[in-house]
Amino acid sequence: MTTLEQQKQSAELIKTLAHKAWESSSFKDELVKNPVSTIESVMGYKLAENAKVIVEDQTNASFFFLNIPRKPNLDEMELTDEQLEMISGGELVIIATVGLGIACVGLFAAGIAIGQAID
């Protein structure tokens, strides 16, 4: 399950990679050609051994890119301790799936915004 902290770290990494690619065409070319090793060099540590990353250069304003995120596996999702505490206290709980869906839409919207910002 992806935690809120992991979502924040992922968003920050995407932001960092985009800015570096905007500033350096050689970095952008390397990111597209060798995404795993390039991302690892930015993060300072290795990705999972079976990690596969696809990077598309979306800087051409003539194209509209749509990323279809993977469907969440609800059977394997568990509530965090914080969410369990909220339930036991009677507070409103936002299920992780909703948060994941919002994060995916946010990343999609960020891709659109990034594409429009280049114009």
PDB file of N, CA and C in Angstrom:
ATOM      1  N   MET A   1       0.836  -1.168   0.000  1.00  0.00           N
ATOM      2  CA  MET A   1       0.000   0.000   0.000  1.00  0.00           C
ATOM      3  C   MET A   1       0.891   1.244   0.000  1.00  0.00           C
ATOM      4  N   THR A   2       0.508   2.230  -0.752  1.00  0.00           N
ATOM      5  CA  THR A   2       1.256   3.473  -0.827  1.00  0.00           C
ATOM      6  C   THR A   2       0.792   4.409   0.275  1.00  0.00           C
ATOM      7  N   THR A   3       1.741   4.867   1.088  1.00  0.00           N
ATOM      8  CA  THR A   3       1.393   5.776   2.168  1.00  0.00           C
ATOM      9  C   THR A   3       1.375   7.211   1.655  1.00  0.00           C
ATOM     10  N   LEU A   4       0.806   8.094   2.438  1.00  0.00           N
ATOM     11  CA  LEU A   4       0.768   9.502   2.078  1.00  0.00           C
ATOM     12  C   LEU A   4       2.195  10.044   1.938  1.00  0.00           C
ATOM     13  N   GLU A   5       3.080   9.618   2.810  1.00  0.00           N
ATOM     14  CA  GLU A   5       4.478  10.068   2.736  1.00  0.00           C
ATOM     15  C   GLU A   5       5.137   9.607   1.440  1.00  0.00           C
ATOM     16  N   GLN A   6       4.878   8.368   1.029  1.00  0.00           N
ATOM     17  CA  GLN A   6       5.428   7.860  -0.226  1.00  0.00           C
ATOM     18  C   GLN A   6       4.865   8.628  -1.413  1.00  0.00           C
ATOM     19  N   GLN A   7       3.575   8.994  -1.352  1.00  0.00           N
ATOM     20  CA  GLN A   7       2.977   9.790  -2.421  1.00  0.00           C
ATOM     21  C   GLN A   7       3.645  11.159  -2.511  1.00  0.00           C
ATOM     22  N   LYS A   8       3.922  11.761  -1.360  1.00  0.00           N
ATOM     23  CA  LYS A   8       4.594  13.063  -1.339  1.00  0.00           C
ATOM     24  C   LYS A   8       6.006  12.949  -1.905  1.00  0.00           C
ATOM     25  N   GLN A   9       6.719  11.897  -1.523  1.00  0.00           N
ATOM     26  CA  GLN A   9       8.082  11.690  -2.030  1.00  0.00           C
ATOM     27  C   GLN A   9       8.066  11.468  -3.537  1.00  0.00           C
ATOM     28  N   SER A  10       7.091  10.711  -4.031  1.00  0.00           N
ATOM     29  CA  SER A  10       6.983  10.468  -5.467  1.00  0.00           C
ATOM     30  C   SER A  10       6.692  11.761  -6.219  1.00  0.00           C
ATOM     31  N   ALA A  11       5.797  12.560  -5.688  1.00  0.00           N
ATOM     32  CA  ALA A  11       5.464  13.837  -6.329  1.00  0.00           C
ATOM     33  C   ALA A  11       6.681  14.753  -6.363  1.00  0.00           C
ATOM     34  N   GLU A  12       7.449  14.770  -5.285  1.00  0.00           N
ATOM     35  CA  GLU A  12       8.658  15.609  -5.232  1.00  0.00           C
ATOM     36  C   GLU A  12       9.708  15.108  -6.226  1.00  0.00           C
ATOM     37  N   LEU A  13       9.853  13.786  -6.348  1.00  0.00           N
ATOM     38  CA  LEU A  13      10.792  13.215  -7.305  1.00  0.00           C
ATOM     39  C   LEU A  13      10.387  13.580  -8.732  1.00  0.00           C
ATOM     40  N   ILE A  14       9.104  13.460  -9.055  1.00  0.00           N
ATOM     41  CA  ILE A  14       8.623  13.806 -10.398  1.00  0.00           C
ATOM     42  C   ILE A  14       8.909  15.273 -10.685  1.00  0.00           C
ATOM     43  N   LYS A  15       8.660  16.119  -9.707  1.00  0.00           N
ATOM     44  CA  LYS A  15       8.919  17.561  -9.862  1.00  0.00           C
ATOM     45  C   LYS A  15      10.409  17.807 -10.121  1.00  0.00           C
ATOM     46  N   THR A  16      11.264  17.170  -9.346  1.00  0.00           N
ATOM     47  CA  THR A  16      12.714  17.328  -9.501  1.00  0.00           C
ATOM     48  C   THR A  16      13.172  16.862 -10.884  1.00  0.00           C
ATOM     49  N   LEU A  17      12.697  15.692 -11.303  1.00  0.00           N
ATOM     50  CA  LEU A  17      13.087  15.155 -12.606  1.00  0.00           C
ATOM     51  C   LEU A  17      12.630  16.065 -13.741  1.00  0.00           C
ATOM     52  N   ALA A  18      11.408  16.577 -13.654  1.00  0.00           N
ATOM     53  CA  ALA A  18      10.881  17.466 -14.698  1.00  0.00           C
ATOM     54  C   ALA A  18      11.727  18.738 -14.790  1.00  0.00           C
ATOM     55  N   HIS A  19      12.037  19.331 -13.640  1.00  0.00           N
ATOM     56  CA  HIS A  19      12.837  20.561 -13.655  1.00  0.00           C
ATOM     57  C   HIS A  19      14.230  20.323 -14.228  1.00  0.00           C
ATOM     58  N   LYS A  20      14.847  19.209 -13.843  1.00  0.00           N
ATOM     59  CA  LYS A  20      16.177  18.896 -14.376  1.00  0.00           C
ATOM     60  C   LYS A  20      16.118  18.668 -15.885  1.00  0.00           C
ATOM     61  N   ALA A  21      15.040  18.015 -16.347  1.00  0.00           N
ATOM     62  CA  ALA A  21      14.889  17.761 -17.787  1.00  0.00           C
ATOM     63  C   ALA A  21      14.654  19.060 -18.550  1.00  0.00           C
ATOM     64  N   TRP A  22      13.917  19.998 -17.963  1.00  0.00           N
ATOM     65  CA  TRP A  22      13.697  21.296 -18.605  1.00  0.00           C
ATOM     66  C   TRP A  22      14.992  22.086 -18.716  1.00  0.00           C
ATOM     67  N   GLU A  23      15.848  21.957 -17.694  1.00  0.00           N
ATOM     68  CA  GLU A  23      17.090  22.734 -17.642  1.00  0.00           C
ATOM     69  C   GLU A  23      18.199  22.145 -18.494  1.00  0.00           C
ATOM     70  N   SER A  24      18.154  20.840 -18.735  1.00  0.00           N
ATOM     71  CA  SER A  24      19.263  20.184 -19.432  1.00  0.00           C
ATOM     72  C   SER A  24      18.737  19.177 -20.456  1.00  0.00           C
ATOM     73  N   SER A  25      18.980  19.460 -21.721  1.00  0.00           N
ATOM     74  CA  SER A  25      18.533  18.521 -22.754  1.00  0.00           C
ATOM     75  C   SER A  25      19.293  17.201 -22.666  1.00  0.00           C
ATOM     76  N   SER A  26      20.548  17.242 -22.228  1.00  0.00           N
ATOM     77  CA  SER A  26      21.296  15.988 -22.094  1.00  0.00           C
ATOM     78  C   SER A  26      20.730  15.139 -20.953  1.00  0.00           C
ATOM     79  N   PHE A  27      20.311  15.792 -19.856  1.00  0.00           N
ATOM     80  CA  PHE A  27      19.671  15.037 -18.767  1.00  0.00           C
ATOM     81  C   PHE A  27      18.364  14.435 -19.259  1.00  0.00           C
ATOM     82  N   LYS A  28      17.575  15.214 -19.992  1.00  0.00           N
ATOM     83  CA  LYS A  28      16.298  14.725 -20.515  1.00  0.00           C
ATOM     84  C   LYS A  28      16.530  13.529 -21.432  1.00  0.00           C
ATOM     85  N   ASP A  29      17.506  13.605 -22.320  1.00  0.00           N
ATOM     86  CA  ASP A  29      17.807  12.497 -23.224  1.00  0.00           C
ATOM     87  C   ASP A  29      18.199  11.248 -22.440  1.00  0.00           C
ATOM     88  N   GLU A  30      19.025  11.428 -21.409  1.00  0.00           N
ATOM     89  CA  GLU A  30      19.459  10.296 -20.587  1.00  0.00           C
ATOM     90  C   GLU A  30      18.284   9.706 -19.805  1.00  0.00           C
ATOM     91  N   LEU A  31      17.402  10.569 -19.315  1.00  0.00           N
ATOM     92  CA  LEU A  31      16.231  10.111 -18.576  1.00  0.00           C
ATOM     93  C   LEU A  31      15.314   9.265 -19.463  1.00  0.00           C
ATOM     94  N   VAL A  32      15.153   9.671 -20.708  1.00  0.00           N
ATOM     95  CA  VAL A  32      14.321   8.921 -21.650  1.00  0.00           C
ATOM     96  C   VAL A  32      14.991   7.598 -22.036  1.00  0.00           C
ATOM     97  N   LYS A  33      16.308   7.629 -22.288  1.00  0.00           N
ATOM     98  CA  LYS A  33      17.029   6.429 -22.746  1.00  0.00           C
ATOM     99  C   LYS A  33      17.288   5.424 -21.628  1.00  0.00           C
ATOM    100  N   ASN A  34      17.659   5.916 -20.446  1.00  0.00           N
ATOM    101  CA  ASN A  34      18.035   5.053 -19.317  1.00  0.00           C
ATOM    102  C   ASN A  34      17.343   5.538 -18.041  1.00  0.00           C
ATOM    103  N   PRO A  35      16.021   5.385 -17.974  1.00  0.00           N
ATOM    104  CA  PRO A  35      15.290   5.982 -16.856  1.00  0.00           C
ATOM    105  C   PRO A  35      15.669   5.443 -15.475  1.00  0.00           C
ATOM    106  N   VAL A  36      15.841   4.143 -15.337  1.00  0.00           N
ATOM    107  CA  VAL A  36      16.122   3.577 -14.017  1.00  0.00           C
ATOM    108  C   VAL A  36      17.448   4.100 -13.468  1.00  0.00           C
ATOM    109  N   SER A  37      18.508   4.000 -14.255  1.00  0.00           N
ATOM    110  CA  SER A  37      19.812   4.446 -13.750  1.00  0.00           C
ATOM    111  C   SER A  37      19.837   5.958 -13.528  1.00  0.00           C
ATOM    112  N   THR A  38      19.152   6.713 -14.375  1.00  0.00           N
ATOM    113  CA  THR A  38      19.123   8.164 -14.213  1.00  0.00           C
ATOM    114  C   THR A  38      18.355   8.546 -12.946  1.00  0.00           C
ATOM    115  N   ILE A  39      17.217   7.917 -12.724  1.00  0.00           N
ATOM    116  CA  ILE A  39      16.435   8.199 -11.519  1.00  0.00           C
ATOM    117  C   ILE A  39      17.199   7.778 -10.277  1.00  0.00           C
ATOM    118  N   GLU A  40      17.873   6.630 -10.342  1.00  0.00           N
ATOM    119  CA  GLU A  40      18.669   6.174  -9.199  1.00  0.00           C
ATOM    120  C   GLU A  40      19.774   7.167  -8.872  1.00  0.00           C
ATOM    121  N   SER A  41      20.387   7.759  -9.897  1.00  0.00           N
ATOM    122  CA  SER A  41      21.457   8.724  -9.634  1.00  0.00           C
ATOM    123  C   SER A  41      20.907   9.984  -8.969  1.00  0.00           C
ATOM    124  N   VAL A  42      19.694  10.366  -9.301  1.00  0.00           N
ATOM    125  CA  VAL A  42      19.073  11.537  -8.678  1.00  0.00           C
ATOM    126  C   VAL A  42      18.665  11.220  -7.241  1.00  0.00           C
ATOM    127  N   MET A  43      18.087  10.026  -7.020  1.00  0.00           N
ATOM    128  CA  MET A  43      17.618   9.643  -5.692  1.00  0.00           C
ATOM    129  C   MET A  43      18.768   9.293  -4.758  1.00  0.00           C
ATOM    130  N   GLY A  44      19.848   8.774  -5.312  1.00  0.00           N
ATOM    131  CA  GLY A  44      20.970   8.371  -4.484  1.00  0.00           C
ATOM    132  C   GLY A  44      20.861   6.962  -3.937  1.00  0.00           C
ATOM    133  N   TYR A  45      19.917   6.195  -4.413  1.00  0.00           N
ATOM    134  CA  TYR A  45      19.793   4.789  -4.023  1.00  0.00           C
ATOM    135  C   TYR A  45      19.110   4.014  -5.143  1.00  0.00           C
ATOM    136  N   LYS A  46      19.178   2.683  -5.038  1.00  0.00           N
ATOM    137  CA  LYS A  46      18.662   1.798  -6.084  1.00  0.00           C
ATOM    138  C   LYS A  46      17.156   1.611  -5.977  1.00  0.00           C
ATOM    139  N   LEU A  47      16.511   1.481  -7.125  1.00  0.00           N
ATOM    140  CA  LEU A  47      15.107   1.093  -7.178  1.00  0.00           C
ATOM    141  C   LEU A  47      15.021  -0.417  -6.977  1.00  0.00           C
ATOM    142  N   ALA A  48      13.823  -0.917  -6.807  1.00  0.00           N
ATOM    143  CA  ALA A  48      13.632  -2.360  -6.686  1.00  0.00           C
ATOM    144  C   ALA A  48      14.238  -3.042  -7.912  1.00  0.00           C
ATOM    145  N   GLU A  49      14.776  -4.222  -7.723  1.00  0.00           N
ATOM    146  CA  GLU A  49      15.482  -4.931  -8.789  1.00  0.00           C
ATOM    147  C   GLU A  49      14.632  -5.131 -10.041  1.00  0.00           C
ATOM    148  N   ASN A  50      13.341  -5.363  -9.864  1.00  0.00           N
ATOM    149  CA  ASN A  50      12.469  -5.613 -11.010  1.00  0.00           C
ATOM    150  C   ASN A  50      11.754  -4.342 -11.495  1.00  0.00           C
ATOM    151  N   ALA A  51      12.196  -3.177 -11.035  1.00  0.00           N
ATOM    152  CA  ALA A  51      11.545  -1.917 -11.414  1.00  0.00           C
ATOM    153  C   ALA A  51      11.708  -1.641 -12.904  1.00  0.00           C
ATOM    154  N   LYS A  52      10.615  -1.268 -13.507  1.00  0.00           N
ATOM    155  CA  LYS A  52      10.620  -0.874 -14.919  1.00  0.00           C
ATOM    156  C   LYS A  52      10.013   0.513 -14.978  1.00  0.00           C
ATOM    157  N   VAL A  53      10.683   1.411 -15.648  1.00  0.00           N
ATOM    158  CA  VAL A  53      10.232   2.788 -15.742  1.00  0.00           C
ATOM    159  C   VAL A  53      10.189   3.182 -17.211  1.00  0.00           C
ATOM    160  N   ILE A  54       9.093   3.780 -17.607  1.00  0.00           N
ATOM    161  CA  ILE A  54       8.959   4.287 -18.966  1.00  0.00           C
ATOM    162  C   ILE A  54       8.865   5.803 -18.878  1.00  0.00           C
ATOM    163  N   VAL A  55       9.744   6.479 -19.573  1.00  0.00           N
ATOM    164  CA  VAL A  55       9.728   7.940 -19.594  1.00  0.00           C
ATOM    165  C   VAL A  55       9.423   8.389 -21.012  1.00  0.00           C
ATOM    166  N   GLU A  56       8.415   9.210 -21.146  1.00  0.00           N
ATOM    167  CA  GLU A  56       8.048   9.784 -22.434  1.00  0.00           C
ATOM    168  C   GLU A  56       8.360  11.270 -22.403  1.00  0.00           C
ATOM    169  N   ASP A  57       8.991  11.762 -23.417  1.00  0.00           N
ATOM    170  CA  ASP A  57       9.243  13.192 -23.543  1.00  0.00           C
ATOM    171  C   ASP A  57       7.935  13.845 -23.989  1.00  0.00           C
ATOM    172  N   GLN A  58       7.291  14.530 -23.068  1.00  0.00           N
ATOM    173  CA  GLN A  58       5.989  15.127 -23.335  1.00  0.00           C
ATOM    174  C   GLN A  58       6.091  16.636 -23.526  1.00  0.00           C
ATOM    175  N   THR A  59       7.230  17.102 -23.967  1.00  0.00           N
ATOM    176  CA  THR A  59       7.427  18.544 -24.099  1.00  0.00           C
ATOM    177  C   THR A  59       6.856  19.113 -25.387  1.00  0.00           C
ATOM    178  N   ASN A  60       6.429  18.271 -26.317  1.00  0.00           N
ATOM    179  CA  ASN A  60       5.847  18.740 -27.563  1.00  0.00           C
ATOM    180  C   ASN A  60       4.386  19.113 -27.324  1.00  0.00           C
ATOM    181  N   ALA A  61       4.067  20.407 -27.433  1.00  0.00           N
ATOM    182  CA  ALA A  61       2.714  20.891 -27.154  1.00  0.00           C
ATOM    183  C   ALA A  61       1.687  20.402 -28.178  1.00  0.00           C
ATOM    184  N   SER A  62       2.122  19.801 -29.274  1.00  0.00           N
ATOM    185  CA  SER A  62       1.197  19.294 -30.289  1.00  0.00           C
ATOM    186  C   SER A  62       0.522  17.992 -29.875  1.00  0.00           C
ATOM    187  N   PHE A  63       1.030  17.368 -28.826  1.00  0.00           N
ATOM    188  CA  PHE A  63       0.499  16.086 -28.384  1.00  0.00           C
ATOM    189  C   PHE A  63      -0.158  16.228 -27.025  1.00  0.00           C
ATOM    190  N   PHE A  64      -1.191  15.432 -26.812  1.00  0.00           N
ATOM    191  CA  PHE A  64      -1.853  15.322 -25.523  1.00  0.00           C
ATOM    192  C   PHE A  64      -1.592  13.914 -25.014  1.00  0.00           C
ATOM    193  N   PHE A  65      -0.968  13.795 -23.857  1.00  0.00           N
ATOM    194  CA  PHE A  65      -0.613  12.493 -23.317  1.00  0.00           C
ATOM    195  C   PHE A  65      -1.572  12.123 -22.190  1.00  0.00           C
ATOM    196  N   LEU A  66      -1.984  10.878 -22.182  1.00  0.00           N
ATOM    197  CA  LEU A  66      -2.863  10.356 -21.147  1.00  0.00           C
ATOM    198  C   LEU A  66      -2.216   9.121 -20.548  1.00  0.00           C
ATOM    199  N   ASN A  67      -2.049   9.121 -19.238  1.00  0.00           N
ATOM    200  CA  ASN A  67      -1.471   7.981 -18.544  1.00  0.00           C
ATOM    201  C   ASN A  67      -2.594   7.243 -17.832  1.00  0.00           C
ATOM    202  N   ILE A  68      -2.763   5.979 -18.154  1.00  0.00           N
ATOM    203  CA  ILE A  68      -3.767   5.163 -17.480  1.00  0.00           C
ATOM    204  C   ILE A  68      -3.058   4.438 -16.341  1.00  0.00           C
ATOM    205  N   PRO A  69      -3.333   4.844 -15.098  1.00  0.00           N
ATOM    206  CA  PRO A  69      -2.645   4.206 -13.968  1.00  0.00           C
ATOM    207  C   PRO A  69      -3.142   2.791 -13.746  1.00  0.00           C
ATOM    208  N   ARG A  70      -2.328   2.005 -13.048  1.00  0.00           N
ATOM    209  CA  ARG A  70      -2.749   0.633 -12.761  1.00  0.00           C
ATOM    210  C   ARG A  70      -3.945   0.670 -11.815  1.00  0.00           C
ATOM    211  N   LYS A  71      -4.781  -0.326 -11.955  1.00  0.00           N
ATOM    212  CA  LYS A  71      -5.969  -0.445 -11.120  1.00  0.00           C
ATOM    213  C   LYS A  71      -5.549  -0.919  -9.734  1.00  0.00           C
ATOM    214  N   PRO A  72      -5.995  -0.252  -8.673  1.00  0.00           N
ATOM    215  CA  PRO A  72      -5.599  -0.682  -7.329  1.00  0.00           C
ATOM    216  C   PRO A  72      -6.202  -2.036  -6.985  1.00  0.00           C
ATOM    217  N   ASN A  73      -5.435  -2.854  -6.293  1.00  0.00           N
ATOM    218  CA  ASN A  73      -5.905  -4.165  -5.842  1.00  0.00           C
ATOM    219  C   ASN A  73      -6.507  -3.992  -4.452  1.00  0.00           C
ATOM    220  N   LEU A  74      -7.813  -3.880  -4.397  1.00  0.00           N
ATOM    221  CA  LEU A  74      -8.492  -3.608  -3.140  1.00  0.00           C
ATOM    222  C   LEU A  74      -8.385  -4.764  -2.153  1.00  0.00           C
ATOM    223  N   ASP A  75      -8.178  -5.973  -2.659  1.00  0.00           N
ATOM    224  CA  ASP A  75      -8.071  -7.122  -1.778  1.00  0.00           C
ATOM    225  C   ASP A  75      -6.810  -7.090  -0.930  1.00  0.00           C
ATOM    226  N   GLU A  76      -5.771  -6.423  -1.402  1.00  0.00           N
ATOM    227  CA  GLU A  76      -4.506  -6.386  -0.682  1.00  0.00           C
ATOM    228  C   GLU A  76      -4.320  -5.103   0.128  1.00  0.00           C
ATOM    229  N   MET A  77      -5.276  -4.189   0.044  1.00  0.00           N
ATOM    230  CA  MET A  77      -5.143  -2.930   0.765  1.00  0.00           C
ATOM    231  C   MET A  77      -5.503  -3.114   2.235  1.00  0.00           C
ATOM    232  N   GLU A  78      -4.734  -2.453   3.079  1.00  0.00           N
ATOM    233  CA  GLU A  78      -4.979  -2.473   4.506  1.00  0.00           C
ATOM    234  C   GLU A  78      -5.005  -1.038   5.000  1.00  0.00           C
ATOM    235  N   LEU A  79      -5.761  -0.808   6.061  1.00  0.00           N
ATOM    236  CA  LEU A  79      -5.789   0.514   6.658  1.00  0.00           C
ATOM    237  C   LEU A  79      -4.531   0.725   7.489  1.00  0.00           C
ATOM    238  N   THR A  80      -4.038   1.954   7.488  1.00  0.00           N
ATOM    239  CA  THR A  80      -2.886   2.290   8.318  1.00  0.00           C
ATOM    240  C   THR A  80      -3.342   2.418   9.764  1.00  0.00           C
ATOM    241  N   ASP A  81      -2.389   2.468  10.674  1.00  0.00           N
ATOM    242  CA  ASP A  81      -2.723   2.664  12.086  1.00  0.00           C
ATOM    243  C   ASP A  81      -3.493   3.970  12.280  1.00  0.00           C
ATOM    244  N   GLU A  82      -3.097   4.993  11.550  1.00  0.00           N
ATOM    245  CA  GLU A  82      -3.769   6.293  11.641  1.00  0.00           C
ATOM    246  C   GLU A  82      -5.231   6.187  11.192  1.00  0.00           C
ATOM    247  N   GLN A  83      -5.472   5.465  10.098  1.00  0.00           N
ATOM    248  CA  GLN A  83      -6.834   5.293   9.612  1.00  0.00           C
ATOM    249  C   GLN A  83      -7.663   4.460  10.584  1.00  0.00           C
ATOM    250  N   LEU A  84      -7.049   3.417  11.160  1.00  0.00           N
ATOM    251  CA  LEU A  84      -7.757   2.604  12.154  1.00  0.00           C
ATOM    252  C   LEU A  84      -8.123   3.438  13.377  1.00  0.00           C
ATOM    253  N   GLU A  85      -7.223   4.312  13.791  1.00  0.00           N
ATOM    254  CA  GLU A  85      -7.473   5.205  14.917  1.00  0.00           C
ATOM    255  C   GLU A  85      -8.636   6.136  14.612  1.00  0.00           C
ATOM    256  N   MET A  86      -8.688   6.629  13.384  1.00  0.00           N
ATOM    257  CA  MET A  86      -9.772   7.527  12.989  1.00  0.00           C
ATOM    258  C   MET A  86     -11.115   6.801  13.026  1.00  0.00           C
ATOM    259  N   ILE A  87     -11.128   5.545  12.588  1.00  0.00           N
ATOM    260  CA  ILE A  87     -12.367   4.761  12.594  1.00  0.00           C
ATOM    261  C   ILE A  87     -12.830   4.529  14.025  1.00  0.00           C
ATOM    262  N   SER A  88     -11.895   4.131  14.870  1.00  0.00           N
ATOM    263  CA  SER A  88     -12.271   3.831  16.251  1.00  0.00           C
ATOM    264  C   SER A  88     -12.724   5.087  16.990  1.00  0.00           C
ATOM    265  N   GLY A  89     -12.256   6.254  16.539  1.00  0.00           N
ATOM    266  CA  GLY A  89     -12.662   7.515  17.154  1.00  0.00           C
ATOM    267  C   GLY A  89     -13.916   8.087  16.522  1.00  0.00           C
ATOM    268  N   GLY A  90     -14.447   7.430  15.494  1.00  0.00           N
ATOM    269  CA  GLY A  90     -15.666   7.877  14.859  1.00  0.00           C
ATOM    270  C   GLY A  90     -15.467   8.984  13.841  1.00  0.00           C
ATOM    271  N   GLU A  91     -14.229   9.278  13.473  1.00  0.00           N
ATOM    272  CA  GLU A  91     -13.978  10.329  12.503  1.00  0.00           C
ATOM    273  C   GLU A  91     -14.191   9.809  11.081  1.00  0.00           C
ATOM    274  N   LEU A  92     -14.385  10.736  10.168  1.00  0.00           N
ATOM    275  CA  LEU A  92     -14.542  10.386   8.762  1.00  0.00           C
ATOM    276  C   LEU A  92     -13.222   9.839   8.235  1.00  0.00           C
ATOM    277  N   VAL A  93     -13.272   8.715   7.528  1.00  0.00           N
ATOM    278  CA  VAL A  93     -12.073   8.100   6.978  1.00  0.00           C
ATOM    279  C   VAL A  93     -12.141   8.160   5.464  1.00  0.00           C
ATOM    280  N   ILE A  94     -11.062   8.603   4.882  1.00  0.00           N
ATOM    281  CA  ILE A  94     -10.952   8.561   3.429  1.00  0.00           C
ATOM    282  C   ILE A  94     -10.151   7.324   3.093  1.00  0.00           C
ATOM    283  N   ILE A  95     -10.763   6.391   2.429  1.00  0.00           N
ATOM    284  CA  ILE A  95     -10.121   5.123   2.093  1.00  0.00           C
ATOM    285  C   ILE A  95      -8.901   5.379   1.214  1.00  0.00           C
ATOM    286  N   ALA A  96      -7.872   4.568   1.375  1.00  0.00           N
ATOM    287  CA  ALA A  96      -6.625   4.711   0.623  1.00  0.00           C
ATOM    288  C   ALA A  96      -6.863   4.731  -0.874  1.00  0.00           C
ATOM    289  N   THR A  97      -7.869   3.991  -1.332  1.00  0.00           N
ATOM    290  CA  THR A  97      -8.151   3.942  -2.769  1.00  0.00           C
ATOM    291  C   THR A  97      -8.537   5.308  -3.293  1.00  0.00           C
ATOM    292  N   VAL A  98      -9.330   6.039  -2.531  1.00  0.00           N
ATOM    293  CA  VAL A  98      -9.723   7.375  -2.947  1.00  0.00           C
ATOM    294  C   VAL A  98      -8.485   8.260  -3.016  1.00  0.00           C
ATOM    295  N   GLY A  99      -7.630   8.172  -1.995  1.00  0.00           N
ATOM    296  CA  GLY A  99      -6.394   8.952  -1.997  1.00  0.00           C
ATOM    297  C   GLY A  99      -5.510   8.600  -3.168  1.00  0.00           C
ATOM    298  N   LEU A 100      -5.416   7.310  -3.475  1.00  0.00           N
ATOM    299  CA  LEU A 100      -4.613   6.870  -4.609  1.00  0.00           C
ATOM    300  C   LEU A 100      -5.198   7.401  -5.906  1.00  0.00           C
ATOM    301  N   GLY A 101      -6.529   7.331  -6.027  1.00  0.00           N
ATOM    302  CA  GLY A 101      -7.198   7.855  -7.220  1.00  0.00           C
ATOM    303  C   GLY A 101      -6.959   9.341  -7.386  1.00  0.00           C
ATOM    304  N   ILE A 102      -7.051  10.085  -6.288  1.00  0.00           N
ATOM    305  CA  ILE A 102      -6.803  11.526  -6.338  1.00  0.00           C
ATOM    306  C   ILE A 102      -5.355  11.794  -6.718  1.00  0.00           C
ATOM    307  N   ALA A 103      -4.429  11.007  -6.165  1.00  0.00           N
ATOM    308  CA  ALA A 103      -3.019  11.181  -6.500  1.00  0.00           C
ATOM    309  C   ALA A 103      -2.783  10.930  -7.984  1.00  0.00           C
ATOM    310  N   CYS A 104      -3.423   9.897  -8.532  1.00  0.00           N
ATOM    311  CA  CYS A 104      -3.266   9.593  -9.964  1.00  0.00           C
ATOM    312  C   CYS A 104      -3.821  10.717 -10.821  1.00  0.00           C
ATOM    313  N   VAL A 105      -5.011  11.223 -10.443  1.00  0.00           N
ATOM    314  CA  VAL A 105      -5.595  12.341 -11.182  1.00  0.00           C
ATOM    315  C   VAL A 105      -4.702  13.563 -11.060  1.00  0.00           C
ATOM    316  N   GLY A 106      -4.138  13.771  -9.858  1.00  0.00           N
ATOM    317  CA  GLY A 106      -3.236  14.902  -9.651  1.00  0.00           C
ATOM    318  C   GLY A 106      -1.999  14.802 -10.523  1.00  0.00           C
ATOM    319  N   LEU A 107      -1.429  13.613 -10.617  1.00  0.00           N
ATOM    320  CA  LEU A 107      -0.255  13.428 -11.468  1.00  0.00           C
ATOM    321  C   LEU A 107      -0.612  13.641 -12.927  1.00  0.00           C
ATOM    322  N   PHE A 108      -1.820  13.182 -13.335  1.00  0.00           N
ATOM    323  CA  PHE A 108      -2.285  13.393 -14.702  1.00  0.00           C
ATOM    324  C   PHE A 108      -2.443  14.887 -14.958  1.00  0.00           C
ATOM    325  N   ALA A 109      -3.082  15.583 -14.016  1.00  0.00           N
ATOM    326  CA  ALA A 109      -3.279  17.026 -14.154  1.00  0.00           C
ATOM    327  C   ALA A 109      -1.935  17.746 -14.163  1.00  0.00           C
ATOM    328  N   ALA A 110      -0.991  17.271 -13.351  1.00  0.00           N
ATOM    329  CA  ALA A 110       0.332  17.877 -13.343  1.00  0.00           C
ATOM    330  C   ALA A 110       1.007  17.709 -14.695  1.00  0.00           C
ATOM    331  N   GLY A 111       0.804  16.550 -15.317  1.00  0.00           N
ATOM    332  CA  GLY A 111       1.356  16.325 -16.655  1.00  0.00           C
ATOM    333  C   GLY A 111       0.787  17.288 -17.658  1.00  0.00           C
ATOM    334  N   ILE A 112      -0.524  17.553 -17.558  1.00  0.00           N
ATOM    335  CA  ILE A 112      -1.165  18.508 -18.444  1.00  0.00           C
ATOM    336  C   ILE A 112      -0.621  19.910 -18.169  1.00  0.00           C
ATOM    337  N   ALA A 113      -0.543  20.260 -16.866  1.00  0.00           N
ATOM    338  CA  ALA A 113      -0.051  21.578 -16.496  1.00  0.00           C
ATOM    339  C   ALA A 113       1.389  21.772 -16.950  1.00  0.00           C
ATOM    340  N   ILE A 114       2.204  20.735 -16.792  1.00  0.00           N
ATOM    341  CA  ILE A 114       3.595  20.819 -17.226  1.00  0.00           C
ATOM    342  C   ILE A 114       3.633  21.044 -18.736  1.00  0.00           C
ATOM    343  N   GLY A 115       2.808  20.282 -19.466  1.00  0.00           N
ATOM    344  CA  GLY A 115       2.761  20.433 -20.915  1.00  0.00           C
ATOM    345  C   GLY A 115       2.322  21.824 -21.330  1.00  0.00           C
ATOM    346  N   GLN A 116       1.330  22.382 -20.620  1.00  0.00           N
ATOM    347  CA  GLN A 116       0.839  23.716 -20.952  1.00  0.00           C
ATOM    348  C   GLN A 116       1.842  24.774 -20.557  1.00  0.00           C
ATOM    349  N   ALA A 117       2.585  24.557 -19.483  1.00  0.00           N
ATOM    350  CA  ALA A 117       3.553  25.543 -19.010  1.00  0.00           C
ATOM    351  C   ALA A 117       4.692  25.733 -20.019  1.00  0.00           C
ATOM    352  N   ILE A 118       4.929  24.722 -20.835  1.00  0.00           N
ATOM    353  CA  ILE A 118       6.025  24.776 -21.800  1.00  0.00           C
ATOM    354  C   ILE A 118       5.672  25.662 -22.976  1.00  0.00           C
ATOM    355  N   ASP A 119       4.368  25.802 -23.273  1.00  0.00           N
ATOM    356  CA  ASP A 119       3.942  26.590 -24.433  1.00  0.00           C
ATOM    357  C   ASP A 119       4.524  27.941 -24.463  1.00  0.00           C
TER     358      ASP A 119
END
